[in-house]
Amino acid sequence: MNAPGSMTSRQRMLTALQCQKPDQVPVFDWFTADSRQRIIAALQIDHPDDEAEFAKAVGFDAISYGDIE
């Protein structure tokens, strides 16, 4: 098992997808548009339309695309 924080987000996701044990559980979530805007304002994210910057600012290991209906 890897020490917590010893893997990059990419390594963590690929390890989990291969049914192996990553250093920690990968973090990922969906937000409503309203919740996302409140998070962007609270964290003062410079480029809120940049999915990678948003994911990094909130500490996510993965990025979601598309709407949930």
N, C-alpha and C. Protein backbone atom coordinates (compact mmCIF):
# COMPACT_ATOMS: atom_id res chain seq x y z
N MET A 1 0.84 -1.18 0.00
CA MET A 1 0.00 0.00 0.00
C MET A 1 0.88 1.24 0.00
N ASN A 2 0.45 2.26 -0.70
CA ASN A 2 1.22 3.49 -0.80
C ASN A 2 0.90 4.43 0.36
N ALA A 3 1.89 5.23 0.76
CA ALA A 3 1.67 6.23 1.81
C ALA A 3 0.70 7.29 1.30
N PRO A 4 -0.21 7.77 2.16
CA PRO A 4 -1.17 8.81 1.74
C PRO A 4 -0.45 10.02 1.14
N GLY A 5 -0.93 10.47 -0.01
CA GLY A 5 -0.35 11.62 -0.68
C GLY A 5 0.85 11.30 -1.54
N SER A 6 1.19 10.02 -1.68
CA SER A 6 2.37 9.64 -2.45
C SER A 6 2.08 9.47 -3.94
N MET A 7 0.81 9.51 -4.33
CA MET A 7 0.44 9.33 -5.73
C MET A 7 -0.13 10.62 -6.30
N THR A 8 0.01 10.77 -7.61
CA THR A 8 -0.65 11.88 -8.29
C THR A 8 -2.12 11.49 -8.47
N SER A 9 -2.95 12.46 -8.82
CA SER A 9 -4.36 12.16 -9.08
C SER A 9 -4.50 11.12 -10.18
N ARG A 10 -3.69 11.26 -11.23
CA ARG A 10 -3.74 10.31 -12.35
C ARG A 10 -3.38 8.90 -11.88
N GLN A 11 -2.29 8.78 -11.13
CA GLN A 11 -1.88 7.47 -10.62
C GLN A 11 -2.96 6.87 -9.72
N ARG A 12 -3.56 7.72 -8.88
CA ARG A 12 -4.59 7.27 -7.94
C ARG A 12 -5.79 6.71 -8.70
N MET A 13 -6.26 7.43 -9.72
CA MET A 13 -7.42 6.99 -10.50
C MET A 13 -7.11 5.71 -11.27
N LEU A 14 -5.97 5.67 -11.93
CA LEU A 14 -5.62 4.47 -12.70
C LEU A 14 -5.46 3.25 -11.80
N THR A 15 -4.87 3.44 -10.64
CA THR A 15 -4.71 2.33 -9.69
C THR A 15 -6.07 1.81 -9.25
N ALA A 16 -6.97 2.72 -8.89
CA ALA A 16 -8.31 2.31 -8.45
C ALA A 16 -9.07 1.61 -9.58
N LEU A 17 -8.95 2.13 -10.80
CA LEU A 17 -9.65 1.52 -11.94
C LEU A 17 -9.11 0.13 -12.28
N GLN A 18 -7.89 -0.16 -11.85
CA GLN A 18 -7.30 -1.48 -12.05
C GLN A 18 -7.56 -2.41 -10.86
N CYS A 19 -8.50 -1.98 -9.98
CA CYS A 19 -8.88 -2.76 -8.79
C CYS A 19 -7.70 -3.03 -7.87
N GLN A 20 -6.78 -2.06 -7.80
CA GLN A 20 -5.67 -2.13 -6.88
C GLN A 20 -5.88 -1.06 -5.81
N LYS A 21 -5.05 -1.06 -4.77
CA LYS A 21 -5.21 -0.12 -3.67
C LYS A 21 -4.38 1.15 -3.91
N PRO A 22 -5.05 2.29 -4.09
CA PRO A 22 -4.32 3.55 -4.20
C PRO A 22 -3.90 4.05 -2.81
N ASP A 23 -3.16 5.14 -2.76
CA ASP A 23 -2.72 5.70 -1.49
C ASP A 23 -3.88 6.23 -0.66
N GLN A 24 -4.95 6.64 -1.33
CA GLN A 24 -6.18 7.08 -0.67
C GLN A 24 -7.32 6.95 -1.66
N VAL A 25 -8.54 7.01 -1.19
CA VAL A 25 -9.70 6.90 -2.07
C VAL A 25 -9.73 8.11 -3.00
N PRO A 26 -9.86 7.91 -4.32
CA PRO A 26 -9.95 9.03 -5.23
C PRO A 26 -11.17 9.91 -4.91
N VAL A 27 -11.00 11.21 -5.05
CA VAL A 27 -12.07 12.16 -4.73
C VAL A 27 -12.68 12.67 -6.02
N PHE A 28 -14.02 12.66 -6.05
CA PHE A 28 -14.76 13.06 -7.24
C PHE A 28 -16.19 13.34 -6.83
N ASP A 29 -16.81 14.35 -7.42
CA ASP A 29 -18.18 14.67 -7.08
C ASP A 29 -18.81 15.48 -8.20
N TRP A 30 -20.12 15.57 -8.17
CA TRP A 30 -20.86 16.42 -9.10
C TRP A 30 -21.47 17.56 -8.30
N PHE A 31 -21.60 18.72 -8.94
CA PHE A 31 -22.24 19.87 -8.31
C PHE A 31 -23.33 20.41 -9.22
N THR A 32 -24.34 20.99 -8.62
CA THR A 32 -25.32 21.73 -9.42
C THR A 32 -24.63 23.02 -9.86
N ALA A 33 -25.18 23.69 -10.87
CA ALA A 33 -24.59 24.93 -11.36
C ALA A 33 -24.53 25.98 -10.25
N ASP A 34 -25.58 26.05 -9.43
CA ASP A 34 -25.62 27.02 -8.34
C ASP A 34 -24.53 26.73 -7.30
N SER A 35 -24.40 25.48 -6.92
CA SER A 35 -23.37 25.10 -5.94
C SER A 35 -21.97 25.38 -6.49
N ARG A 36 -21.78 25.07 -7.75
CA ARG A 36 -20.49 25.32 -8.39
C ARG A 36 -20.13 26.80 -8.34
N GLN A 37 -21.10 27.66 -8.65
CA GLN A 37 -20.84 29.11 -8.64
C GLN A 37 -20.49 29.59 -7.23
N ARG A 38 -21.14 29.05 -6.22
CA ARG A 38 -20.82 29.43 -4.84
C ARG A 38 -19.41 28.98 -4.46
N ILE A 39 -19.01 27.80 -4.91
CA ILE A 39 -17.66 27.30 -4.63
C ILE A 39 -16.62 28.17 -5.33
N ILE A 40 -16.88 28.51 -6.59
CA ILE A 40 -15.96 29.36 -7.36
C ILE A 40 -15.78 30.70 -6.66
N ALA A 41 -16.87 31.29 -6.20
CA ALA A 41 -16.80 32.58 -5.51
C ALA A 41 -16.04 32.45 -4.19
N ALA A 42 -16.33 31.40 -3.43
CA ALA A 42 -15.69 31.22 -2.12
C ALA A 42 -14.18 30.97 -2.25
N LEU A 43 -13.79 30.21 -3.27
CA LEU A 43 -12.37 29.88 -3.45
C LEU A 43 -11.65 30.88 -4.34
N GLN A 44 -12.40 31.83 -4.91
CA GLN A 44 -11.84 32.84 -5.81
C GLN A 44 -11.02 32.21 -6.93
N ILE A 45 -11.63 31.27 -7.62
CA ILE A 45 -10.96 30.58 -8.73
C ILE A 45 -10.85 31.54 -9.90
N ASP A 46 -9.62 31.70 -10.43
CA ASP A 46 -9.35 32.68 -11.48
C ASP A 46 -10.04 32.39 -12.80
N HIS A 47 -10.05 31.12 -13.22
CA HIS A 47 -10.63 30.74 -14.51
C HIS A 47 -11.70 29.68 -14.26
N PRO A 48 -12.90 30.10 -13.84
CA PRO A 48 -13.93 29.14 -13.43
C PRO A 48 -14.43 28.20 -14.53
N ASP A 49 -14.20 28.54 -15.81
CA ASP A 49 -14.64 27.66 -16.89
C ASP A 49 -13.63 26.57 -17.20
N ASP A 50 -12.46 26.64 -16.59
CA ASP A 50 -11.41 25.64 -16.79
C ASP A 50 -11.66 24.48 -15.82
N GLU A 51 -12.15 23.36 -16.34
CA GLU A 51 -12.50 22.20 -15.49
C GLU A 51 -11.31 21.70 -14.69
N ALA A 52 -10.13 21.68 -15.30
CA ALA A 52 -8.95 21.20 -14.60
C ALA A 52 -8.59 22.12 -13.44
N GLU A 53 -8.70 23.43 -13.63
CA GLU A 53 -8.39 24.36 -12.54
C GLU A 53 -9.41 24.22 -11.41
N PHE A 54 -10.68 24.07 -11.77
CA PHE A 54 -11.71 23.88 -10.74
C PHE A 54 -11.44 22.61 -9.94
N ALA A 55 -11.15 21.51 -10.63
CA ALA A 55 -10.88 20.23 -9.95
C ALA A 55 -9.68 20.35 -9.02
N LYS A 56 -8.64 21.02 -9.48
CA LYS A 56 -7.44 21.18 -8.64
C LYS A 56 -7.75 22.05 -7.42
N ALA A 57 -8.52 23.12 -7.63
CA ALA A 57 -8.84 24.04 -6.52
C ALA A 57 -9.63 23.36 -5.42
N VAL A 58 -10.52 22.43 -5.77
CA VAL A 58 -11.33 21.75 -4.75
C VAL A 58 -10.74 20.42 -4.32
N GLY A 59 -9.60 20.03 -4.91
CA GLY A 59 -8.91 18.82 -4.49
C GLY A 59 -9.43 17.53 -5.10
N PHE A 60 -10.04 17.63 -6.27
CA PHE A 60 -10.56 16.43 -6.93
C PHE A 60 -9.45 15.69 -7.67
N ASP A 61 -9.65 14.40 -7.83
CA ASP A 61 -8.75 13.56 -8.60
C ASP A 61 -9.27 13.32 -10.01
N ALA A 62 -10.51 13.67 -10.27
CA ALA A 62 -11.13 13.43 -11.58
C ALA A 62 -12.05 14.59 -11.94
N ILE A 63 -12.39 14.69 -13.20
CA ILE A 63 -13.25 15.75 -13.71
C ILE A 63 -14.49 15.11 -14.31
N SER A 64 -15.66 15.70 -14.04
CA SER A 64 -16.90 15.18 -14.62
C SER A 64 -17.28 16.02 -15.83
N TYR A 65 -17.95 15.40 -16.76
CA TYR A 65 -18.45 16.10 -17.94
C TYR A 65 -19.90 15.68 -18.16
N GLY A 66 -20.70 16.62 -18.63
CA GLY A 66 -22.10 16.33 -18.95
C GLY A 66 -23.02 16.59 -17.79
N ASP A 67 -24.29 16.68 -18.13
CA ASP A 67 -25.32 16.94 -17.13
C ASP A 67 -25.97 15.65 -16.69
N ILE A 68 -26.38 15.62 -15.44
CA ILE A 68 -27.14 14.49 -14.90
C ILE A 68 -28.60 14.87 -15.00
N GLU A 69 -29.38 14.04 -15.63
CA GLU A 69 -30.80 14.33 -15.77
C GLU A 69 -31.62 13.35 -14.99
